[in-house]
PDB file of N, CA and C in Angstrom:
ATOM      1  N   MET A   1     -48.694 -13.587  48.941  1.00  0.00           N
ATOM      2  CA  MET A   1     -47.938 -13.274  47.741  1.00  0.00           C
ATOM      3  C   MET A   1     -46.926 -14.381  47.488  1.00  0.00           C
ATOM      4  N   ALA A   2     -46.911 -14.932  46.274  1.00  0.00           N
ATOM      5  CA  ALA A   2     -46.064 -16.080  45.941  1.00  0.00           C
ATOM      6  C   ALA A   2     -44.581 -15.747  45.980  1.00  0.00           C
ATOM      7  N   ASN A   3     -44.218 -14.506  45.725  1.00  0.00           N
ATOM      8  CA  ASN A   3     -42.810 -14.136  45.699  1.00  0.00           C
ATOM      9  C   ASN A   3     -42.333 -13.533  47.006  1.00  0.00           C
ATOM     10  N   GLU A   4     -43.146 -13.600  48.057  1.00  0.00           N
ATOM     11  CA  GLU A   4     -42.736 -13.060  49.348  1.00  0.00           C
ATOM     12  C   GLU A   4     -42.113 -14.160  50.208  1.00  0.00           C
ATOM     13  N   VAL A   5     -41.064 -13.784  50.888  1.00  0.00           N
ATOM     14  CA  VAL A   5     -40.326 -14.696  51.754  1.00  0.00           C
ATOM     15  C   VAL A   5     -40.297 -14.086  53.152  1.00  0.00           C
ATOM     16  N   THR A   6     -40.375 -14.921  54.164  1.00  0.00           N
ATOM     17  CA  THR A   6     -40.214 -14.461  55.539  1.00  0.00           C
ATOM     18  C   THR A   6     -38.905 -15.021  56.074  1.00  0.00           C
ATOM     19  N   THR A   7     -38.067 -14.143  56.576  1.00  0.00           N
ATOM     20  CA  THR A   7     -36.820 -14.538  57.216  1.00  0.00           C
ATOM     21  C   THR A   7     -36.951 -14.226  58.695  1.00  0.00           C
ATOM     22  N   THR A   8     -36.788 -15.239  59.531  1.00  0.00           N
ATOM     23  CA  THR A   8     -36.852 -15.049  60.977  1.00  0.00           C
ATOM     24  C   THR A   8     -35.473 -15.312  61.555  1.00  0.00           C
ATOM     25  N   ILE A   9     -34.951 -14.303  62.253  1.00  0.00           N
ATOM     26  CA  ILE A   9     -33.646 -14.412  62.901  1.00  0.00           C
ATOM     27  C   ILE A   9     -33.899 -14.720  64.370  1.00  0.00           C
ATOM     28  N   HIS A  10     -33.411 -15.851  64.834  1.00  0.00           N
ATOM     29  CA  HIS A  10     -33.552 -16.275  66.228  1.00  0.00           C
ATOM     30  C   HIS A  10     -32.239 -15.947  66.940  1.00  0.00           C
ATOM     31  N   PHE A  11     -32.341 -15.138  67.999  1.00  0.00           N
ATOM     32  CA  PHE A  11     -31.152 -14.679  68.707  1.00  0.00           C
ATOM     33  C   PHE A  11     -30.809 -15.586  69.881  1.00  0.00           C
ATOM     34  N   MET A  12     -29.568 -15.496  70.315  1.00  0.00           N
ATOM     35  CA  MET A  12     -29.064 -16.324  71.412  1.00  0.00           C
ATOM     36  C   MET A  12     -29.845 -16.087  72.718  1.00  0.00           C
ATOM     37  N   ASP A  13     -30.401 -14.885  72.901  1.00  0.00           N
ATOM     38  CA  ASP A  13     -31.131 -14.587  74.140  1.00  0.00           C
ATOM     39  C   ASP A  13     -32.594 -15.028  74.103  1.00  0.00           C
ATOM     40  N   GLY A  14     -33.005 -15.731  73.028  1.00  0.00           N
ATOM     41  CA  GLY A  14     -34.365 -16.248  72.926  1.00  0.00           C
ATOM     42  C   GLY A  14     -35.326 -15.335  72.177  1.00  0.00           C
ATOM     43  N   THR A  15     -34.919 -14.108  71.866  1.00  0.00           N
ATOM     44  CA  THR A  15     -35.782 -13.215  71.094  1.00  0.00           C
ATOM     45  C   THR A  15     -35.645 -13.539  69.607  1.00  0.00           C
ATOM     46  N   LYS A  16     -36.556 -12.968  68.809  1.00  0.00           N
ATOM     47  CA  LYS A  16     -36.480 -13.189  67.371  1.00  0.00           C
ATOM     48  C   LYS A  16     -36.981 -11.961  66.639  1.00  0.00           C
ATOM     49  N   MET A  17     -36.574 -11.834  65.373  1.00  0.00           N
ATOM     50  CA  MET A  17     -36.977 -10.748  64.497  1.00  0.00           C
ATOM     51  C   MET A  17     -37.413 -11.368  63.182  1.00  0.00           C
ATOM     52  N   SER A  18     -38.632 -11.054  62.727  1.00  0.00           N
ATOM     53  CA  SER A  18     -39.121 -11.581  61.450  1.00  0.00           C
ATOM     54  C   SER A  18     -39.188 -10.470  60.425  1.00  0.00           C
ATOM     55  N   LEU A  19     -38.714 -10.766  59.225  1.00  0.00           N
ATOM     56  CA  LEU A  19     -38.686  -9.815  58.124  1.00  0.00           C
ATOM     57  C   LEU A  19     -39.385 -10.419  56.918  1.00  0.00           C
ATOM     58  N   ALA A  20     -40.341  -9.705  56.336  1.00  0.00           N
ATOM     59  CA  ALA A  20     -40.975 -10.141  55.096  1.00  0.00           C
ATOM     60  C   ALA A  20     -40.353  -9.340  53.967  1.00  0.00           C
ATOM     61  N   HIS A  21     -39.988 -10.029  52.896  1.00  0.00           N
ATOM     62  CA  HIS A  21     -39.320  -9.350  51.780  1.00  0.00           C
ATOM     63  C   HIS A  21     -39.578 -10.106  50.489  1.00  0.00           C
ATOM     64  N   PRO A  22     -39.397  -9.437  49.343  1.00  0.00           N
ATOM     65  CA  PRO A  22     -39.539 -10.141  48.064  1.00  0.00           C
ATOM     66  C   PRO A  22     -38.466 -11.213  47.934  1.00  0.00           C
ATOM     67  N   ARG A  23     -38.788 -12.289  47.236  1.00  0.00           N
ATOM     68  CA  ARG A  23     -37.817 -13.363  46.999  1.00  0.00           C
ATOM     69  C   ARG A  23     -36.607 -12.800  46.271  1.00  0.00           C
ATOM     70  N   GLN A  24     -35.431 -13.136  46.764  1.00  0.00           N
ATOM     71  CA  GLN A  24     -34.171 -12.728  46.147  1.00  0.00           C
ATOM     72  C   GLN A  24     -33.669 -13.855  45.252  1.00  0.00           C
ATOM     73  N   ALA A  25     -33.048 -13.517  44.154  1.00  0.00           N
ATOM     74  CA  ALA A  25     -32.458 -14.517  43.244  1.00  0.00           C
ATOM     75  C   ALA A  25     -33.478 -15.589  42.884  1.00  0.00           C
ATOM     76  N   ALA A  26     -34.660 -15.167  42.521  1.00  0.00           N
ATOM     77  CA  ALA A  26     -35.766 -16.101  42.270  1.00  0.00           C
ATOM     78  C   ALA A  26     -35.408 -17.160  41.241  1.00  0.00           C
ATOM     79  N   GLY A  27     -35.365 -18.402  41.703  1.00  0.00           N
ATOM     80  CA  GLY A  27     -35.219 -19.541  40.813  1.00  0.00           C
ATOM     81  C   GLY A  27     -33.839 -19.788  40.237  1.00  0.00           C
ATOM     82  N   ASP A  28     -32.871 -18.920  40.488  1.00  0.00           N
ATOM     83  CA  ASP A  28     -31.547 -19.089  39.917  1.00  0.00           C
ATOM     84  C   ASP A  28     -30.648 -19.764  40.948  1.00  0.00           C
ATOM     85  N   ALA A  29     -30.382 -21.044  40.761  1.00  0.00           N
ATOM     86  CA  ALA A  29     -29.608 -21.834  41.730  1.00  0.00           C
ATOM     87  C   ALA A  29     -28.219 -21.254  41.963  1.00  0.00           C
ATOM     88  N   ILE A  30     -27.597 -20.699  40.950  1.00  0.00           N
ATOM     89  CA  ILE A  30     -26.253 -20.136  41.096  1.00  0.00           C
ATOM     90  C   ILE A  30     -26.294 -18.917  42.022  1.00  0.00           C
ATOM     91  N   GLN A  31     -27.293 -18.049  41.851  1.00  0.00           N
ATOM     92  CA  GLN A  31     -27.411 -16.875  42.711  1.00  0.00           C
ATOM     93  C   GLN A  31     -27.764 -17.269  44.136  1.00  0.00           C
ATOM     94  N   VAL A  32     -28.629 -18.267  44.295  1.00  0.00           N
ATOM     95  CA  VAL A  32     -28.992 -18.740  45.637  1.00  0.00           C
ATOM     96  C   VAL A  32     -27.755 -19.294  46.336  1.00  0.00           C
ATOM     97  N   THR A  33     -26.992 -20.115  45.645  1.00  0.00           N
ATOM     98  CA  THR A  33     -25.765 -20.689  46.206  1.00  0.00           C
ATOM     99  C   THR A  33     -24.797 -19.587  46.620  1.00  0.00           C
ATOM    100  N   SER A  34     -24.620 -18.603  45.760  1.00  0.00           N
ATOM    101  CA  SER A  34     -23.716 -17.495  46.057  1.00  0.00           C
ATOM    102  C   SER A  34     -24.183 -16.719  47.288  1.00  0.00           C
ATOM    103  N   ALA A  35     -25.476 -16.445  47.388  1.00  0.00           N
ATOM    104  CA  ALA A  35     -26.017 -15.700  48.528  1.00  0.00           C
ATOM    105  C   ALA A  35     -25.854 -16.477  49.830  1.00  0.00           C
ATOM    106  N   VAL A  36     -26.105 -17.788  49.796  1.00  0.00           N
ATOM    107  CA  VAL A  36     -25.961 -18.613  50.999  1.00  0.00           C
ATOM    108  C   VAL A  36     -24.498 -18.662  51.434  1.00  0.00           C
ATOM    109  N   ARG A  37     -23.591 -18.854  50.503  1.00  0.00           N
ATOM    110  CA  ARG A  37     -22.158 -18.892  50.844  1.00  0.00           C
ATOM    111  C   ARG A  37     -21.693 -17.567  51.419  1.00  0.00           C
ATOM    112  N   LYS A  38     -22.142 -16.458  50.816  1.00  0.00           N
ATOM    113  CA  LYS A  38     -21.767 -15.133  51.305  1.00  0.00           C
ATOM    114  C   LYS A  38     -22.285 -14.927  52.733  1.00  0.00           C
ATOM    115  N   ALA A  39     -23.505 -15.341  53.001  1.00  0.00           N
ATOM    116  CA  ALA A  39     -24.076 -15.209  54.343  1.00  0.00           C
ATOM    117  C   ALA A  39     -23.299 -16.042  55.355  1.00  0.00           C
ATOM    118  N   LEU A  40     -22.918 -17.259  54.980  1.00  0.00           N
ATOM    119  CA  LEU A  40     -22.187 -18.136  55.893  1.00  0.00           C
ATOM    120  C   LEU A  40     -20.789 -17.607  56.202  1.00  0.00           C
ATOM    121  N   ASP A  41     -20.182 -16.917  55.241  1.00  0.00           N
ATOM    122  CA  ASP A  41     -18.832 -16.384  55.412  1.00  0.00           C
ATOM    123  C   ASP A  41     -18.803 -15.039  56.139  1.00  0.00           C
ATOM    124  N   SER A  42     -19.944 -14.400  56.270  1.00  0.00           N
ATOM    125  CA  SER A  42     -20.011 -13.068  56.854  1.00  0.00           C
ATOM    126  C   SER A  42     -20.032 -13.120  58.376  1.00  0.00           C
ATOM    127  N   ASP A  43     -19.579 -12.037  59.005  1.00  0.00           N
ATOM    128  CA  ASP A  43     -19.646 -11.962  60.464  1.00  0.00           C
ATOM    129  C   ASP A  43     -20.805 -11.086  60.926  1.00  0.00           C
ATOM    130  N   LYS A  44     -21.628 -10.632  59.958  1.00  0.00           N
ATOM    131  CA  LYS A  44     -22.793  -9.832  60.302  1.00  0.00           C
ATOM    132  C   LYS A  44     -23.842  -9.923  59.201  1.00  0.00           C
ATOM    133  N   ILE A  45     -25.087  -9.640  59.575  1.00  0.00           N
ATOM    134  CA  ILE A  45     -26.177  -9.531  58.616  1.00  0.00           C
ATOM    135  C   ILE A  45     -26.567  -8.061  58.581  1.00  0.00           C
ATOM    136  N   VAL A  46     -26.701  -7.510  57.390  1.00  0.00           N
ATOM    137  CA  VAL A  46     -27.074  -6.109  57.231  1.00  0.00           C
ATOM    138  C   VAL A  46     -28.405  -6.064  56.504  1.00  0.00           C
ATOM    139  N   ALA A  47     -29.360  -5.289  57.047  1.00  0.00           N
ATOM    140  CA  ALA A  47     -30.681  -5.162  56.429  1.00  0.00           C
ATOM    141  C   ALA A  47     -31.167  -3.728  56.537  1.00  0.00           C
ATOM    142  N   GLU A  48     -31.807  -3.254  55.469  1.00  0.00           N
ATOM    143  CA  GLU A  48     -32.471  -1.958  55.499  1.00  0.00           C
ATOM    144  C   GLU A  48     -33.949  -2.232  55.673  1.00  0.00           C
ATOM    145  N   ILE A  49     -34.533  -1.701  56.729  1.00  0.00           N
ATOM    146  CA  ILE A  49     -35.933  -1.954  57.037  1.00  0.00           C
ATOM    147  C   ILE A  49     -36.625  -0.623  57.274  1.00  0.00           C
ATOM    148  N   GLN A  50     -37.537  -0.305  56.380  1.00  0.00           N
ATOM    149  CA  GLN A  50     -38.322   0.933  56.461  1.00  0.00           C
ATOM    150  C   GLN A  50     -37.444   2.150  56.732  1.00  0.00           C
ATOM    151  N   GLY A  51     -36.353   2.255  55.993  1.00  0.00           N
ATOM    152  CA  GLY A  51     -35.479   3.417  56.103  1.00  0.00           C
ATOM    153  C   GLY A  51     -34.438   3.348  57.201  1.00  0.00           C
ATOM    154  N   ASP A  52     -34.454   2.307  58.020  1.00  0.00           N
ATOM    155  CA  ASP A  52     -33.449   2.136  59.069  1.00  0.00           C
ATOM    156  C   ASP A  52     -32.460   1.054  58.663  1.00  0.00           C
ATOM    157  N   LEU A  53     -31.204   1.230  59.035  1.00  0.00           N
ATOM    158  CA  LEU A  53     -30.163   0.241  58.748  1.00  0.00           C
ATOM    159  C   LEU A  53     -29.913  -0.592  60.002  1.00  0.00           C
ATOM    160  N   PHE A  54     -29.996  -1.915  59.858  1.00  0.00           N
ATOM    161  CA  PHE A  54     -29.720  -2.840  60.951  1.00  0.00           C
ATOM    162  C   PHE A  54     -28.445  -3.606  60.615  1.00  0.00           C
ATOM    163  N   VAL A  55     -27.496  -3.623  61.525  1.00  0.00           N
ATOM    164  CA  VAL A  55     -26.274  -4.414  61.405  1.00  0.00           C
ATOM    165  C   VAL A  55     -26.295  -5.377  62.587  1.00  0.00           C
ATOM    166  N   ILE A  56     -26.454  -6.672  62.288  1.00  0.00           N
ATOM    167  CA  ILE A  56     -26.627  -7.677  63.335  1.00  0.00           C
ATOM    168  C   ILE A  56     -25.417  -8.605  63.340  1.00  0.00           C
ATOM    169  N   PRO A  57     -24.616  -8.597  64.424  1.00  0.00           N
ATOM    170  CA  PRO A  57     -23.466  -9.509  64.507  1.00  0.00           C
ATOM    171  C   PRO A  57     -23.937 -10.972  64.516  1.00  0.00           C
ATOM    172  N   VAL A  58     -23.330 -11.789  63.708  1.00  0.00           N
ATOM    173  CA  VAL A  58     -23.701 -13.205  63.606  1.00  0.00           C
ATOM    174  C   VAL A  58     -23.488 -13.927  64.938  1.00  0.00           C
ATOM    175  N   ARG A  59     -22.536 -13.488  65.734  1.00  0.00           N
ATOM    176  CA  ARG A  59     -22.283 -14.151  67.023  1.00  0.00           C
ATOM    177  C   ARG A  59     -23.492 -14.066  67.959  1.00  0.00           C
ATOM    178  N   ASN A  60     -24.432 -13.143  67.688  1.00  0.00           N
ATOM    179  CA  ASN A  60     -25.641 -13.010  68.500  1.00  0.00           C
ATOM    180  C   ASN A  60     -26.798 -13.838  67.970  1.00  0.00           C
ATOM    181  N   ILE A  61     -26.576 -14.550  66.862  1.00  0.00           N
ATOM    182  CA  ILE A  61     -27.649 -15.291  66.200  1.00  0.00           C
ATOM    183  C   ILE A  61     -27.514 -16.784  66.486  1.00  0.00           C
ATOM    184  N   LYS A  62     -28.620 -17.386  66.903  1.00  0.00           N
ATOM    185  CA  LYS A  62     -28.661 -18.830  67.126  1.00  0.00           C
ATOM    186  C   LYS A  62     -28.903 -19.543  65.797  1.00  0.00           C
ATOM    187  N   TYR A  63     -29.926 -19.102  65.047  1.00  0.00           N
ATOM    188  CA  TYR A  63     -30.164 -19.630  63.699  1.00  0.00           C
ATOM    189  C   TYR A  63     -31.081 -18.703  62.931  1.00  0.00           C
ATOM    190  N   VAL A  64     -31.127 -18.891  61.610  1.00  0.00           N
ATOM    191  CA  VAL A  64     -31.972 -18.112  60.716  1.00  0.00           C
ATOM    192  C   VAL A  64     -32.899 -19.071  59.989  1.00  0.00           C
ATOM    193  N   GLN A  65     -34.177 -18.737  59.967  1.00  0.00           N
ATOM    194  CA  GLN A  65     -35.195 -19.561  59.301  1.00  0.00           C
ATOM    195  C   GLN A  65     -35.737 -18.771  58.111  1.00  0.00           C
ATOM    196  N   VAL A  66     -35.771 -19.387  56.927  1.00  0.00           N
ATOM    197  CA  VAL A  66     -36.301 -18.757  55.725  1.00  0.00           C
ATOM    198  C   VAL A  66     -37.474 -19.585  55.226  1.00  0.00           C
ATOM    199  N   THR A  67     -38.651 -18.918  55.057  1.00  0.00           N
ATOM    200  CA  THR A  67     -39.869 -19.605  54.648  1.00  0.00           C
ATOM    201  C   THR A  67     -40.514 -18.859  53.499  1.00  0.00           C
ATOM    202  N   PRO A  68     -40.820 -19.474  52.385  1.00  0.00           N
ATOM    203  CA  PRO A  68     -40.459 -20.838  52.040  1.00  0.00           C
ATOM    204  C   PRO A  68     -38.997 -20.939  51.636  1.00  0.00           C
ATOM    205  N   ALA A  69     -38.453 -22.124  51.753  1.00  0.00           N
ATOM    206  CA  ALA A  69     -37.062 -22.349  51.344  1.00  0.00           C
ATOM    207  C   ALA A  69     -36.952 -22.194  49.830  1.00  0.00           C
ATOM    208  N   PRO A  70     -35.757 -21.830  49.342  1.00  0.00           N
ATOM    209  CA  PRO A  70     -35.562 -21.802  47.886  1.00  0.00           C
ATOM    210  C   PRO A  70     -35.833 -23.172  47.287  1.00  0.00           C
ATOM    211  N   LYS A  71     -36.339 -23.197  46.060  1.00  0.00           N
ATOM    212  CA  LYS A  71     -36.642 -24.476  45.406  1.00  0.00           C
ATOM    213  C   LYS A  71     -35.399 -25.307  45.194  1.00  0.00           C
ATOM    214  N   GLU A  72     -34.286 -24.640  44.915  1.00  0.00           N
ATOM    215  CA  GLU A  72     -33.018 -25.338  44.735  1.00  0.00           C
ATOM    216  C   GLU A  72     -32.028 -24.811  45.767  1.00  0.00           C
ATOM    217  N   LEU A  73     -31.429 -25.720  46.519  1.00  0.00           N
ATOM    218  CA  LEU A  73     -30.457 -25.343  47.543  1.00  0.00           C
ATOM    219  C   LEU A  73     -29.055 -25.749  47.121  1.00  0.00           C
ATOM    220  N   PRO A  74     -28.050 -25.040  47.620  1.00  0.00           N
ATOM    221  CA  PRO A  74     -26.681 -25.468  47.323  1.00  0.00           C
ATOM    222  C   PRO A  74     -26.370 -26.788  47.981  1.00  0.00           C
ATOM    223  N   GLN A  75     -25.445 -27.534  47.397  1.00  0.00           N
ATOM    224  CA  GLN A  75     -25.075 -28.843  47.963  1.00  0.00           C
ATOM    225  C   GLN A  75     -24.234 -28.679  49.189  1.00  0.00           C
TER     226      GLN A  75
END
């Protein structure tokens, strides 16, 4: 699916969690920039997955990989 994105969260202990979701803020550079800045400023990532709420402290995350990357990235 062209509008599907996979986000993989790599944790400090070597484990990882992959999430497939519809593209957010499709094609709008301003919304993408805002979302990236908000994520960088946050101390946690919150996701609803199949009816469950996940709250993941950023201090436990080594890095986050998003595939495919947005067409336009913030500077």
